[in-house]
Amino acid sequence: MNAHEDHQYLIALRKGDNLLLKELYSKFSPQVVSWVKKNNGSMSDAKDIFQEALIALYNKACDPDFVLSYPIGGLIFQICKNKWIDQIRKKTKESEVRILEKERYNSEQPTASAIEQIEEEEIRQNNLNAAFEKLSELCQKLLRAVSEGISSKDIAVQLAMNDVNTVYRRKNACVERWKNLYHS
């Protein structure tokens, strides 16, 4: 396979020849800038894409077996075009994800009735706590122990009660007192 005359640019890239690199920029970047701008891009986007294309070319130039057999301008343009299309796809996908996340977030926002329910539950819980605080110390200890799952036998020992039946009767009396305090 014969090397195209533009193969000199690959050699320049490999060697870091600034003069030929500047020539690459001045010769081929205007076409890329024009195309990117026509396809919803900015000057900055075009410069970035062109730079990425040169990096890709440099990587190819470092491969001693690679021989450029066609004009480099077409190759640069095709690389830039592919990279820009990939970016557009990525931006579109990101935009779609943002829209979906926004919709999901909005649908998870509590409605007015849900907020009212939450507020009512907070008021109910505050009233329950206030009524509980009015109970005797013994009732509070007994009901806490029951809610923690401690056995009636152990509660009887902890609170110095005669037996399990006493714990049961006292618990029912405390719960009844708590209900009365809550509803008053």
N, C-alpha and C. Protein backbone atom coordinates (compact mmCIF):
# COMPACT_ATOMS: atom_id res chain seq x y z
N MET A 1 0.84 -1.17 0.00
CA MET A 1 0.00 0.00 0.00
C MET A 1 0.89 1.23 0.00
N ASN A 2 0.63 2.14 -0.92
CA ASN A 2 1.44 3.35 -1.04
C ASN A 2 0.95 4.42 -0.09
N ALA A 3 1.89 5.14 0.47
CA ALA A 3 1.55 6.23 1.39
C ALA A 3 1.11 7.45 0.59
N HIS A 4 0.09 8.09 1.08
CA HIS A 4 -0.40 9.33 0.47
C HIS A 4 0.59 10.44 0.83
N GLU A 5 0.61 11.48 0.04
CA GLU A 5 1.56 12.58 0.32
C GLU A 5 1.29 13.23 1.68
N ASP A 6 0.05 13.11 2.19
CA ASP A 6 -0.28 13.67 3.50
C ASP A 6 0.29 12.85 4.66
N HIS A 7 0.92 11.73 4.34
CA HIS A 7 1.55 10.92 5.38
C HIS A 7 2.61 11.74 6.13
N GLN A 8 3.11 12.77 5.49
CA GLN A 8 4.10 13.65 6.12
C GLN A 8 3.55 14.28 7.41
N TYR A 9 2.23 14.51 7.43
CA TYR A 9 1.62 15.09 8.64
C TYR A 9 1.69 14.11 9.81
N LEU A 10 1.51 12.83 9.53
CA LEU A 10 1.63 11.83 10.59
C LEU A 10 3.05 11.77 11.12
N ILE A 11 3.98 11.86 10.23
CA ILE A 11 5.39 11.88 10.64
C ILE A 11 5.66 13.12 11.48
N ALA A 12 5.09 14.26 11.07
CA ALA A 12 5.24 15.52 11.82
C ALA A 12 4.63 15.38 13.22
N LEU A 13 3.48 14.73 13.29
CA LEU A 13 2.85 14.50 14.60
C LEU A 13 3.75 13.65 15.49
N ARG A 14 4.29 12.61 14.90
CA ARG A 14 5.16 11.70 15.64
C ARG A 14 6.40 12.44 16.15
N LYS A 15 6.95 13.32 15.33
CA LYS A 15 8.18 14.03 15.70
C LYS A 15 7.91 15.31 16.49
N GLY A 16 6.67 15.76 16.51
CA GLY A 16 6.35 17.02 17.20
C GLY A 16 6.76 18.24 16.40
N ASP A 17 6.69 18.16 15.08
CA ASP A 17 7.05 19.27 14.19
C ASP A 17 5.96 20.35 14.26
N ASN A 18 6.27 21.46 14.93
CA ASN A 18 5.28 22.52 15.15
C ASN A 18 4.83 23.21 13.87
N LEU A 19 5.71 23.37 12.90
CA LEU A 19 5.33 24.05 11.66
C LEU A 19 4.24 23.27 10.91
N LEU A 20 4.43 21.96 10.79
CA LEU A 20 3.42 21.16 10.09
C LEU A 20 2.14 21.04 10.93
N LEU A 21 2.28 21.07 12.24
CA LEU A 21 1.09 21.04 13.09
C LEU A 21 0.26 22.31 12.92
N LYS A 22 0.94 23.45 12.85
CA LYS A 22 0.23 24.72 12.62
C LYS A 22 -0.46 24.70 11.27
N GLU A 23 0.19 24.10 10.30
CA GLU A 23 -0.40 23.99 8.97
C GLU A 23 -1.66 23.12 9.02
N LEU A 24 -1.61 22.04 9.79
CA LEU A 24 -2.79 21.18 9.97
C LEU A 24 -3.96 22.00 10.53
N TYR A 25 -3.65 22.78 11.56
CA TYR A 25 -4.69 23.60 12.17
C TYR A 25 -5.27 24.60 11.17
N SER A 26 -4.41 25.33 10.52
CA SER A 26 -4.90 26.39 9.62
C SER A 26 -5.62 25.82 8.40
N LYS A 27 -5.20 24.66 7.92
CA LYS A 27 -5.79 24.07 6.72
C LYS A 27 -7.12 23.38 6.98
N PHE A 28 -7.22 22.66 8.12
CA PHE A 28 -8.36 21.76 8.30
C PHE A 28 -9.33 22.15 9.41
N SER A 29 -8.92 23.01 10.33
CA SER A 29 -9.84 23.35 11.42
C SER A 29 -11.03 24.21 10.97
N PRO A 30 -10.89 25.12 9.97
CA PRO A 30 -12.06 25.91 9.58
C PRO A 30 -13.25 25.06 9.12
N GLN A 31 -12.99 24.01 8.39
CA GLN A 31 -14.06 23.12 7.92
C GLN A 31 -14.76 22.45 9.11
N VAL A 32 -13.96 22.01 10.09
CA VAL A 32 -14.51 21.35 11.27
C VAL A 32 -15.33 22.35 12.09
N VAL A 33 -14.79 23.56 12.29
CA VAL A 33 -15.50 24.59 13.05
C VAL A 33 -16.84 24.89 12.39
N SER A 34 -16.84 25.07 11.09
CA SER A 34 -18.07 25.36 10.35
C SER A 34 -19.09 24.24 10.53
N TRP A 35 -18.66 23.01 10.38
CA TRP A 35 -19.58 21.87 10.48
C TRP A 35 -20.15 21.74 11.89
N VAL A 36 -19.28 21.87 12.91
CA VAL A 36 -19.75 21.73 14.30
C VAL A 36 -20.74 22.84 14.63
N LYS A 37 -20.45 24.07 14.19
CA LYS A 37 -21.37 25.18 14.46
C LYS A 37 -22.72 24.96 13.78
N LYS A 38 -22.72 24.41 12.57
CA LYS A 38 -23.97 24.12 11.87
C LYS A 38 -24.76 23.02 12.56
N ASN A 39 -24.09 22.25 13.39
CA ASN A 39 -24.73 21.12 14.07
C ASN A 39 -24.82 21.36 15.58
N ASN A 40 -25.27 22.57 15.93
CA ASN A 40 -25.56 22.95 17.31
C ASN A 40 -24.35 22.99 18.24
N GLY A 41 -23.21 23.28 17.71
CA GLY A 41 -22.01 23.38 18.53
C GLY A 41 -21.49 24.80 18.57
N SER A 42 -20.51 25.01 19.40
CA SER A 42 -19.89 26.33 19.53
C SER A 42 -18.46 26.27 18.99
N MET A 43 -17.84 27.41 18.93
CA MET A 43 -16.44 27.49 18.51
C MET A 43 -15.59 26.66 19.48
N SER A 44 -15.89 26.78 20.75
CA SER A 44 -15.13 26.03 21.76
C SER A 44 -15.30 24.52 21.56
N ASP A 45 -16.54 24.09 21.28
CA ASP A 45 -16.79 22.67 21.01
C ASP A 45 -15.95 22.20 19.83
N ALA A 46 -15.94 23.01 18.78
CA ALA A 46 -15.21 22.64 17.56
C ALA A 46 -13.71 22.52 17.83
N LYS A 47 -13.18 23.45 18.60
CA LYS A 47 -11.75 23.40 18.93
C LYS A 47 -11.42 22.15 19.73
N ASP A 48 -12.31 21.84 20.68
CA ASP A 48 -12.10 20.63 21.50
C ASP A 48 -12.14 19.37 20.63
N ILE A 49 -13.10 19.31 19.76
CA ILE A 49 -13.25 18.15 18.87
C ILE A 49 -12.03 18.02 17.97
N PHE A 50 -11.58 19.14 17.42
CA PHE A 50 -10.41 19.11 16.53
C PHE A 50 -9.18 18.62 17.30
N GLN A 51 -9.04 19.10 18.55
CA GLN A 51 -7.91 18.68 19.38
C GLN A 51 -7.98 17.17 19.65
N GLU A 52 -9.17 16.66 19.93
CA GLU A 52 -9.34 15.23 20.17
C GLU A 52 -9.00 14.43 18.91
N ALA A 53 -9.36 14.97 17.76
CA ALA A 53 -9.04 14.29 16.50
C ALA A 53 -7.52 14.21 16.30
N LEU A 54 -6.83 15.30 16.62
CA LEU A 54 -5.37 15.29 16.48
C LEU A 54 -4.73 14.30 17.46
N ILE A 55 -5.31 14.18 18.63
CA ILE A 55 -4.80 13.18 19.59
C ILE A 55 -4.99 11.78 19.03
N ALA A 56 -6.15 11.53 18.44
CA ALA A 56 -6.41 10.22 17.82
C ALA A 56 -5.42 9.97 16.68
N LEU A 57 -5.18 11.01 15.88
CA LEU A 57 -4.20 10.89 14.79
C LEU A 57 -2.80 10.63 15.34
N TYR A 58 -2.45 11.31 16.41
CA TYR A 58 -1.15 11.10 17.01
C TYR A 58 -0.98 9.65 17.44
N ASN A 59 -2.04 9.11 18.06
CA ASN A 59 -1.98 7.70 18.48
C ASN A 59 -1.77 6.78 17.28
N LYS A 60 -2.42 7.11 16.15
CA LYS A 60 -2.21 6.32 14.92
C LYS A 60 -0.79 6.51 14.39
N ALA A 61 -0.33 7.75 14.47
CA ALA A 61 1.02 8.07 13.96
C ALA A 61 2.10 7.30 14.72
N CYS A 62 1.85 7.02 15.98
CA CYS A 62 2.83 6.29 16.80
C CYS A 62 2.91 4.81 16.41
N ASP A 63 1.93 4.34 15.66
CA ASP A 63 1.95 2.96 15.18
C ASP A 63 2.78 2.93 13.89
N PRO A 64 3.98 2.34 13.93
CA PRO A 64 4.86 2.37 12.76
C PRO A 64 4.27 1.61 11.56
N ASP A 65 3.33 0.72 11.79
CA ASP A 65 2.73 -0.05 10.70
C ASP A 65 1.61 0.72 9.99
N PHE A 66 1.12 1.79 10.59
CA PHE A 66 0.03 2.55 9.98
C PHE A 66 0.57 3.42 8.86
N VAL A 67 -0.07 3.29 7.71
CA VAL A 67 0.31 4.09 6.54
C VAL A 67 -0.93 4.84 6.07
N LEU A 68 -0.82 6.14 5.96
CA LEU A 68 -1.93 6.95 5.48
C LEU A 68 -2.00 6.83 3.97
N SER A 69 -3.10 6.32 3.47
CA SER A 69 -3.21 6.09 2.02
C SER A 69 -4.27 6.99 1.39
N TYR A 70 -4.75 7.98 2.09
CA TYR A 70 -5.76 8.91 1.56
C TYR A 70 -5.52 10.27 2.21
N PRO A 71 -6.18 11.30 1.74
CA PRO A 71 -5.92 12.65 2.26
C PRO A 71 -6.24 12.75 3.75
N ILE A 72 -5.39 13.43 4.46
CA ILE A 72 -5.55 13.55 5.91
C ILE A 72 -6.74 14.43 6.27
N GLY A 73 -7.08 15.38 5.43
CA GLY A 73 -8.21 16.27 5.69
C GLY A 73 -9.51 15.49 5.84
N GLY A 74 -9.73 14.53 4.97
CA GLY A 74 -10.93 13.69 5.05
C GLY A 74 -10.94 12.86 6.32
N LEU A 75 -9.77 12.35 6.69
CA LEU A 75 -9.66 11.55 7.90
C LEU A 75 -9.95 12.40 9.13
N ILE A 76 -9.36 13.60 9.19
CA ILE A 76 -9.59 14.49 10.33
C ILE A 76 -11.07 14.85 10.41
N PHE A 77 -11.66 15.20 9.28
CA PHE A 77 -13.07 15.58 9.28
C PHE A 77 -13.95 14.43 9.75
N GLN A 78 -13.68 13.22 9.28
CA GLN A 78 -14.48 12.07 9.68
C GLN A 78 -14.35 11.77 11.18
N ILE A 79 -13.12 11.89 11.69
CA ILE A 79 -12.91 11.68 13.13
C ILE A 79 -13.70 12.72 13.92
N CYS A 80 -13.60 13.98 13.50
CA CYS A 80 -14.31 15.07 14.19
C CYS A 80 -15.83 14.86 14.12
N LYS A 81 -16.29 14.48 12.95
CA LYS A 81 -17.73 14.26 12.76
C LYS A 81 -18.22 13.15 13.70
N ASN A 82 -17.51 12.04 13.74
CA ASN A 82 -17.89 10.94 14.61
C ASN A 82 -17.86 11.34 16.08
N LYS A 83 -16.83 12.08 16.48
CA LYS A 83 -16.72 12.51 17.88
C LYS A 83 -17.85 13.46 18.24
N TRP A 84 -18.19 14.38 17.33
CA TRP A 84 -19.26 15.33 17.61
C TRP A 84 -20.62 14.62 17.69
N ILE A 85 -20.86 13.70 16.81
CA ILE A 85 -22.12 12.93 16.85
C ILE A 85 -22.21 12.14 18.15
N ASP A 86 -21.10 11.57 18.60
CA ASP A 86 -21.09 10.86 19.88
C ASP A 86 -21.44 11.81 21.04
N GLN A 87 -20.89 13.02 20.99
CA GLN A 87 -21.17 14.00 22.04
C GLN A 87 -22.64 14.41 22.04
N ILE A 88 -23.20 14.59 20.85
CA ILE A 88 -24.62 14.95 20.75
C ILE A 88 -25.47 13.83 21.33
N ARG A 89 -25.15 12.61 21.00
CA ARG A 89 -25.89 11.47 21.56
C ARG A 89 -25.80 11.45 23.08
N LYS A 90 -24.60 11.68 23.58
CA LYS A 90 -24.38 11.68 25.02
C LYS A 90 -25.19 12.80 25.69
N LYS A 91 -25.15 14.00 25.09
CA LYS A 91 -25.91 15.13 25.65
C LYS A 91 -27.40 14.84 25.61
N THR A 92 -27.88 14.23 24.53
CA THR A 92 -29.30 13.90 24.40
C THR A 92 -29.69 12.90 25.48
N LYS A 93 -28.86 11.90 25.66
CA LYS A 93 -29.14 10.88 26.67
C LYS A 93 -29.15 11.50 28.07
N GLU A 94 -28.16 12.38 28.35
CA GLU A 94 -28.10 13.05 29.65
C GLU A 94 -29.33 13.92 29.85
N SER A 95 -29.75 14.60 28.81
CA SER A 95 -30.94 15.45 28.89
C SER A 95 -32.18 14.62 29.19
N GLU A 96 -32.30 13.48 28.53
CA GLU A 96 -33.45 12.59 28.77
C GLU A 96 -33.44 12.08 30.20
N VAL A 97 -32.26 11.74 30.72
CA VAL A 97 -32.16 11.26 32.09
C VAL A 97 -32.56 12.38 33.06
N ARG A 98 -32.10 13.61 32.79
CA ARG A 98 -32.47 14.74 33.65
C ARG A 98 -33.98 14.94 33.66
N ILE A 99 -34.61 14.86 32.50
CA ILE A 99 -36.06 15.03 32.41
C ILE A 99 -36.76 13.94 33.20
N LEU A 100 -36.33 12.70 33.02
CA LEU A 100 -36.95 11.59 33.75
C LEU A 100 -36.76 11.74 35.26
N GLU A 101 -35.57 12.15 35.68
CA GLU A 101 -35.31 12.34 37.11
C GLU A 101 -36.17 13.47 37.67
N LYS A 102 -36.32 14.53 36.89
CA LYS A 102 -37.15 15.67 37.33
C LYS A 102 -38.59 15.22 37.49
N GLU A 103 -39.09 14.45 36.52
CA GLU A 103 -40.46 13.94 36.60
C GLU A 103 -40.63 13.02 37.81
N ARG A 104 -39.63 12.16 38.04
CA ARG A 104 -39.70 11.26 39.18
C ARG A 104 -39.68 12.05 40.48
N TYR A 105 -38.82 13.05 40.54
CA TYR A 105 -38.72 13.89 41.74
C TYR A 105 -40.04 14.61 41.99
N ASN A 106 -40.63 15.18 40.93
CA ASN A 106 -41.89 15.90 41.08
C ASN A 106 -43.01 14.98 41.51
N SER A 107 -43.01 13.74 41.00
CA SER A 107 -44.06 12.81 41.37
C SER A 107 -43.90 12.33 42.81
N GLU A 108 -42.69 12.41 43.34
CA GLU A 108 -42.45 11.99 44.72
C GLU A 108 -42.71 13.10 45.73
N GLN A 109 -42.94 14.31 45.24
CA GLN A 109 -43.22 15.42 46.15
C GLN A 109 -44.54 15.17 46.85
N PRO A 110 -44.58 15.41 48.14
CA PRO A 110 -45.83 15.17 48.86
C PRO A 110 -46.93 16.13 48.41
N THR A 111 -48.12 15.60 48.31
CA THR A 111 -49.26 16.42 47.95
C THR A 111 -49.74 17.15 49.20
N ALA A 112 -50.68 18.06 49.02
CA ALA A 112 -51.21 18.82 50.15
C ALA A 112 -51.84 17.87 51.17
N SER A 113 -52.58 16.87 50.70
CA SER A 113 -53.22 15.94 51.63
C SER A 113 -52.18 15.09 52.35
N ALA A 114 -51.10 14.73 51.67
CA ALA A 114 -50.04 13.96 52.33
C ALA A 114 -49.36 14.80 53.40
N ILE A 115 -49.16 16.08 53.11
CA ILE A 115 -48.55 16.97 54.10
C ILE A 115 -49.48 17.11 55.30
N GLU A 116 -50.77 17.23 55.04
CA GLU A 116 -51.74 17.32 56.14
C GLU A 116 -51.70 16.06 56.99
N GLN A 117 -51.60 14.91 56.34
CA GLN A 117 -51.54 13.65 57.08
C GLN A 117 -50.29 13.59 57.95
N ILE A 118 -49.18 14.06 57.40
CA ILE A 118 -47.92 14.06 58.16
C ILE A 118 -48.05 14.98 59.36
N GLU A 119 -48.62 16.16 59.14
CA GLU A 119 -48.80 17.11 60.24
C GLU A 119 -49.74 16.55 61.31
N GLU A 120 -50.83 15.91 60.87
CA GLU A 120 -51.77 15.30 61.82
C GLU A 120 -51.08 14.20 62.62
N GLU A 121 -50.25 13.42 61.96
CA GLU A 121 -49.53 12.34 62.66
C GLU A 121 -48.56 12.93 63.68
N GLU A 122 -47.89 14.03 63.34
CA GLU A 122 -46.98 14.68 64.29
C GLU A 122 -47.74 15.19 65.50
N ILE A 123 -48.91 15.80 65.26
CA ILE A 123 -49.73 16.30 66.37
C ILE A 123 -50.18 15.15 67.26
N ARG A 124 -50.63 14.05 66.64
CA ARG A 124 -51.07 12.88 67.39
C ARG A 124 -49.93 12.33 68.23
N GLN A 125 -48.73 12.24 67.60
CA GLN A 125 -47.57 11.70 68.33
C GLN A 125 -47.19 12.62 69.49
N ASN A 126 -47.25 13.93 69.29
CA ASN A 126 -46.94 14.88 70.37
C ASN A 126 -47.94 14.74 71.51
N ASN A 127 -49.21 14.57 71.16
CA ASN A 127 -50.23 14.40 72.19
C ASN A 127 -50.03 13.09 72.96
N LEU A 128 -49.66 12.01 72.23
CA LEU A 128 -49.37 10.73 72.90
C LEU A 128 -48.19 10.89 73.86
N ASN A 129 -47.15 11.57 73.41
CA ASN A 129 -45.98 11.78 74.27
C ASN A 129 -46.32 12.61 75.50
N ALA A 130 -47.13 13.66 75.31
CA ALA A 130 -47.53 14.50 76.43
C ALA A 130 -48.35 13.70 77.44
N ALA A 131 -49.27 12.87 76.95
CA ALA A 131 -50.08 12.03 77.84
C ALA A 131 -49.19 11.02 78.57
N PHE A 132 -48.20 10.47 77.88
CA PHE A 132 -47.30 9.49 78.49
C PHE A 132 -46.51 10.13 79.63
N GLU A 133 -46.09 11.38 79.43
CA GLU A 133 -45.31 12.09 80.46
C GLU A 133 -46.14 12.32 81.72
N LYS A 134 -47.46 12.31 81.61
CA LYS A 134 -48.34 12.54 82.76
C LYS A 134 -48.54 11.26 83.59
N LEU A 135 -48.15 10.12 83.03
CA LEU A 135 -48.27 8.85 83.74
C LEU A 135 -47.29 8.80 84.90
N SER A 136 -47.56 7.95 85.87
CA SER A 136 -46.64 7.78 86.99
C SER A 136 -45.33 7.18 86.48
N GLU A 137 -44.28 7.34 87.26
CA GLU A 137 -42.97 6.82 86.89
C GLU A 137 -43.01 5.30 86.72
N LEU A 138 -43.77 4.63 87.59
CA LEU A 138 -43.88 3.18 87.51
C LEU A 138 -44.56 2.77 86.20
N CYS A 139 -45.65 3.46 85.83
CA CYS A 139 -46.33 3.14 84.56
C CYS A 139 -45.40 3.37 83.36
N GLN A 140 -44.66 4.46 83.39
CA GLN A 140 -43.74 4.74 82.29
C GLN A 140 -42.69 3.64 82.16
N LYS A 141 -42.10 3.23 83.27
CA LYS A 141 -41.09 2.17 83.24
C LYS A 141 -41.70 0.86 82.75
N LEU A 142 -42.89 0.56 83.24
CA LEU A 142 -43.56 -0.68 82.86
C LEU A 142 -43.87 -0.71 81.37
N LEU A 143 -44.45 0.36 80.86
CA LEU A 143 -44.81 0.39 79.42
C LEU A 143 -43.57 0.41 78.52
N ARG A 144 -42.52 1.07 78.96
CA ARG A 144 -41.27 1.04 78.16
C ARG A 144 -40.70 -0.37 78.12
N ALA A 145 -40.70 -1.04 79.25
CA ALA A 145 -40.17 -2.41 79.31
C ALA A 145 -40.99 -3.34 78.42
N VAL A 146 -42.31 -3.19 78.45
CA VAL A 146 -43.17 -4.02 77.60
C VAL A 146 -42.87 -3.73 76.12
N SER A 147 -42.73 -2.43 75.77
CA SER A 147 -42.48 -2.08 74.36
C SER A 147 -41.11 -2.56 73.88
N GLU A 148 -40.18 -2.74 74.79
CA GLU A 148 -38.85 -3.24 74.43
C GLU A 148 -38.82 -4.76 74.33
N GLY A 149 -39.96 -5.40 74.64
CA GLY A 149 -40.04 -6.85 74.49
C GLY A 149 -39.49 -7.63 75.67
N ILE A 150 -39.31 -6.97 76.79
CA ILE A 150 -38.81 -7.67 77.98
C ILE A 150 -39.93 -8.56 78.51
N SER A 151 -39.59 -9.75 78.94
CA SER A 151 -40.60 -10.71 79.40
C SER A 151 -41.27 -10.21 80.68
N SER A 152 -42.52 -10.64 80.88
CA SER A 152 -43.28 -10.23 82.07
C SER A 152 -42.57 -10.66 83.36
N LYS A 153 -41.95 -11.82 83.33
CA LYS A 153 -41.23 -12.33 84.50
C LYS A 153 -40.07 -11.39 84.86
N ASP A 154 -39.30 -10.97 83.84
CA ASP A 154 -38.17 -10.06 84.08
C ASP A 154 -38.66 -8.68 84.53
N ILE A 155 -39.80 -8.24 83.97
CA ILE A 155 -40.35 -6.94 84.37
C ILE A 155 -40.75 -6.99 85.85
N ALA A 156 -41.37 -8.11 86.25
CA ALA A 156 -41.77 -8.26 87.66
C ALA A 156 -40.57 -8.14 88.57
N VAL A 157 -39.45 -8.73 88.20
CA VAL A 157 -38.23 -8.66 89.01
C VAL A 157 -37.68 -7.23 89.01
N GLN A 158 -37.58 -6.61 87.82
CA GLN A 158 -37.02 -5.26 87.70
C GLN A 158 -37.83 -4.23 88.49
N LEU A 159 -39.14 -4.35 88.44
CA LEU A 159 -39.99 -3.33 89.06
C LEU A 159 -40.53 -3.77 90.44
N ALA A 160 -39.97 -4.84 90.96
CA ALA A 160 -40.31 -5.34 92.30
C ALA A 160 -41.81 -5.60 92.44
N MET A 161 -42.38 -6.29 91.47
CA MET A 161 -43.79 -6.67 91.52
C MET A 161 -43.87 -8.13 91.98
N ASN A 162 -45.01 -8.50 92.54
CA ASN A 162 -45.16 -9.84 93.13
C ASN A 162 -45.00 -10.95 92.10
N ASP A 163 -45.70 -10.84 90.95
CA ASP A 163 -45.64 -11.91 89.96
C ASP A 163 -46.07 -11.40 88.59
N VAL A 164 -46.14 -12.32 87.64
CA VAL A 164 -46.49 -12.00 86.26
C VAL A 164 -47.91 -11.46 86.17
N ASN A 165 -48.83 -11.99 86.99
CA ASN A 165 -50.22 -11.51 86.97
C ASN A 165 -50.31 -10.04 87.38
N THR A 166 -49.48 -9.65 88.33
CA THR A 166 -49.46 -8.26 88.76
C THR A 166 -48.98 -7.37 87.63
N VAL A 167 -47.95 -7.83 86.91
CA VAL A 167 -47.43 -7.08 85.76
C VAL A 167 -48.53 -6.90 84.72
N TYR A 168 -49.24 -7.98 84.44
CA TYR A 168 -50.30 -7.94 83.43
C TYR A 168 -51.40 -6.96 83.84
N ARG A 169 -51.90 -7.05 85.11
CA ARG A 169 -52.97 -6.16 85.58
C ARG A 169 -52.50 -4.71 85.58
N ARG A 170 -51.28 -4.49 86.06
CA ARG A 170 -50.73 -3.12 86.14
C ARG A 170 -50.55 -2.54 84.74
N LYS A 171 -50.08 -3.34 83.80
CA LYS A 171 -49.90 -2.88 82.42
C LYS A 171 -51.24 -2.43 81.84
N ASN A 172 -52.29 -3.25 82.02
CA ASN A 172 -53.61 -2.90 81.49
C ASN A 172 -54.13 -1.61 82.12
N ALA A 173 -53.89 -1.45 83.41
CA ALA A 173 -54.33 -0.23 84.11
C ALA A 173 -53.57 0.99 83.57
N CYS A 174 -52.27 0.83 83.32
CA CYS A 174 -51.45 1.94 82.79
C CYS A 174 -51.88 2.32 81.38
N VAL A 175 -52.14 1.33 80.56
CA VAL A 175 -52.60 1.60 79.19
C VAL A 175 -53.93 2.33 79.22
N GLU A 176 -54.83 1.89 80.08
CA GLU A 176 -56.15 2.53 80.21
C GLU A 176 -55.99 3.98 80.67
N ARG A 177 -55.12 4.21 81.64
CA ARG A 177 -54.86 5.57 82.13
C ARG A 177 -54.28 6.43 81.01
N TRP A 178 -53.37 5.88 80.24
CA TRP A 178 -52.75 6.60 79.13
C TRP A 178 -53.81 7.01 78.10
N LYS A 179 -54.71 6.09 77.76
CA LYS A 179 -55.80 6.38 76.81
C LYS A 179 -56.65 7.54 77.34
N ASN A 180 -57.00 7.48 78.60
CA ASN A 180 -57.83 8.52 79.19
C ASN A 180 -57.14 9.88 79.14
N LEU A 181 -55.84 9.90 79.47
CA LEU A 181 -55.08 11.15 79.42
C LEU A 181 -54.97 11.68 77.98
N TYR A 182 -54.82 10.78 77.04
CA TYR A 182 -54.70 11.18 75.63
C TYR A 182 -56.00 11.80 75.12
N HIS A 183 -57.11 11.21 75.47
CA HIS A 183 -58.41 11.67 74.96
C HIS A 183 -58.98 12.84 75.76
N SER A 184 -58.34 13.21 76.84
CA SER A 184 -58.89 14.33 77.64
C SER A 184 -58.35 15.65 77.19
